[in-house]
Amino acid sequence: MKRRVLMAWLKRHNCIVEREGKAHTQVYCRGKNASVPRHKEINTFTARGICRDLGIPVIETK
């Protein structure tokens, strides 16, 4: 999945970019943090894990 699709999903669920790092972006949502890798393509299992860590609905891929 594209990173921009995942970031749009996170923003749609009121997640905030806490800090930009060299290799990861720290995202904050509902009192929880998660790291989003800075790759163009993110593995589907990784994207689902990030959603679970933040306590938001899991993103569905087609």
C-alpha atoms as a PDB file:
ATOM      1  CA  MET A   1       0.000   0.000   0.000  1.00  0.00           C
ATOM      2  CA  LYS A   2       1.202   3.522  -0.659  1.00  0.00           C
ATOM      3  CA  ARG A   3       2.392   5.546   2.328  1.00  0.00           C
ATOM      4  CA  ARG A   4       0.244   8.522   1.343  1.00  0.00           C
ATOM      5  CA  VAL A   5      -2.893   6.330   1.427  1.00  0.00           C
ATOM      6  CA  LEU A   6      -2.059   5.169   4.953  1.00  0.00           C
ATOM      7  CA  MET A   7      -1.281   8.715   6.129  1.00  0.00           C
ATOM      8  CA  ALA A   8      -4.607   9.952   4.688  1.00  0.00           C
ATOM      9  CA  TRP A   9      -6.402   7.129   6.554  1.00  0.00           C
ATOM     10  CA  LEU A  10      -4.689   8.132   9.801  1.00  0.00           C
ATOM     11  CA  LYS A  11      -5.557  11.819   9.332  1.00  0.00           C
ATOM     12  CA  ARG A  12      -9.176  10.880   8.584  1.00  0.00           C
ATOM     13  CA  HIS A  13      -9.293   9.240  12.027  1.00  0.00           C
ATOM     14  CA  ASN A  14      -7.891  12.345  13.776  1.00  0.00           C
ATOM     15  CA  CYS A  15      -4.314  11.132  14.162  1.00  0.00           C
ATOM     16  CA  ILE A  16      -1.647  13.797  14.474  1.00  0.00           C
ATOM     17  CA  VAL A  17       1.904  13.704  13.133  1.00  0.00           C
ATOM     18  CA  GLU A  18       3.910  14.152  16.297  1.00  0.00           C
ATOM     19  CA  ARG A  19       7.406  14.184  14.837  1.00  0.00           C
ATOM     20  CA  GLU A  20       9.192  13.525  11.548  1.00  0.00           C
ATOM     21  CA  GLY A  21      12.315  11.403  11.809  1.00  0.00           C
ATOM     22  CA  LYS A  22      14.878  10.236   9.302  1.00  0.00           C
ATOM     23  CA  ALA A  23      13.466   6.730   8.870  1.00  0.00           C
ATOM     24  CA  HIS A  24      10.039   6.912  10.597  1.00  0.00           C
ATOM     25  CA  THR A  25       7.208   9.326  11.326  1.00  0.00           C
ATOM     26  CA  GLN A  26       5.767   9.299  14.841  1.00  0.00           C
ATOM     27  CA  VAL A  27       1.968   9.448  14.826  1.00  0.00           C
ATOM     28  CA  TYR A  28      -0.175  10.172  17.919  1.00  0.00           C
ATOM     29  CA  CYS A  29      -3.827   9.202  18.241  1.00  0.00           C
ATOM     30  CA  ARG A  30      -6.150   8.579  21.212  1.00  0.00           C
ATOM     31  CA  GLY A  31      -3.302   8.647  23.714  1.00  0.00           C
ATOM     32  CA  LYS A  32      -1.210   6.119  21.781  1.00  0.00           C
ATOM     33  CA  ASN A  33       1.871   6.413  19.562  1.00  0.00           C
ATOM     34  CA  ALA A  34       2.986   4.471  16.487  1.00  0.00           C
ATOM     35  CA  SER A  35       5.861   4.673  14.018  1.00  0.00           C
ATOM     36  CA  VAL A  36       5.110   4.826  10.297  1.00  0.00           C
ATOM     37  CA  PRO A  37       8.055   3.866   8.058  1.00  0.00           C
ATOM     38  CA  ARG A  38       9.169   6.402   5.466  1.00  0.00           C
ATOM     39  CA  HIS A  39       8.982   4.071   2.465  1.00  0.00           C
ATOM     40  CA  LYS A  40       6.888   4.628  -0.648  1.00  0.00           C
ATOM     41  CA  GLU A  41       5.312   1.185  -0.213  1.00  0.00           C
ATOM     42  CA  ILE A  42       4.282  -0.136   3.205  1.00  0.00           C
ATOM     43  CA  ASN A  43       3.490  -3.792   3.772  1.00  0.00           C
ATOM     44  CA  THR A  44      -0.231  -4.463   4.346  1.00  0.00           C
ATOM     45  CA  PHE A  45       0.464  -6.298   7.612  1.00  0.00           C
ATOM     46  CA  THR A  46       2.508  -3.354   8.871  1.00  0.00           C
ATOM     47  CA  ALA A  47      -0.292  -0.899   8.009  1.00  0.00           C
ATOM     48  CA  ARG A  48      -2.861  -3.043   9.830  1.00  0.00           C
ATOM     49  CA  GLY A  49      -0.565  -3.286  12.853  1.00  0.00           C
ATOM     50  CA  ILE A  50      -0.168   0.491  12.970  1.00  0.00           C
ATOM     51  CA  CYS A  51      -3.959   0.908  12.942  1.00  0.00           C
ATOM     52  CA  ARG A  52      -4.360  -1.642  15.736  1.00  0.00           C
ATOM     53  CA  ASP A  53      -1.623   0.045  17.792  1.00  0.00           C
ATOM     54  CA  LEU A  54      -3.423   3.388  17.503  1.00  0.00           C
ATOM     55  CA  GLY A  55      -6.852   1.937  18.284  1.00  0.00           C
ATOM     56  CA  ILE A  56      -8.494   3.003  15.025  1.00  0.00           C
ATOM     57  CA  PRO A  57     -10.364   0.872  12.452  1.00  0.00           C
ATOM     58  CA  VAL A  58      -8.051  -1.320  10.386  1.00  0.00           C
ATOM     59  CA  ILE A  59      -7.521  -0.054   6.863  1.00  0.00           C
ATOM     60  CA  GLU A  60      -8.973  -2.342   4.208  1.00  0.00           C
ATOM     61  CA  THR A  61      -7.065  -2.957   1.000  1.00  0.00           C
ATOM     62  CA  LYS A  62      -8.497  -4.108  -2.272  1.00  0.00           C
END
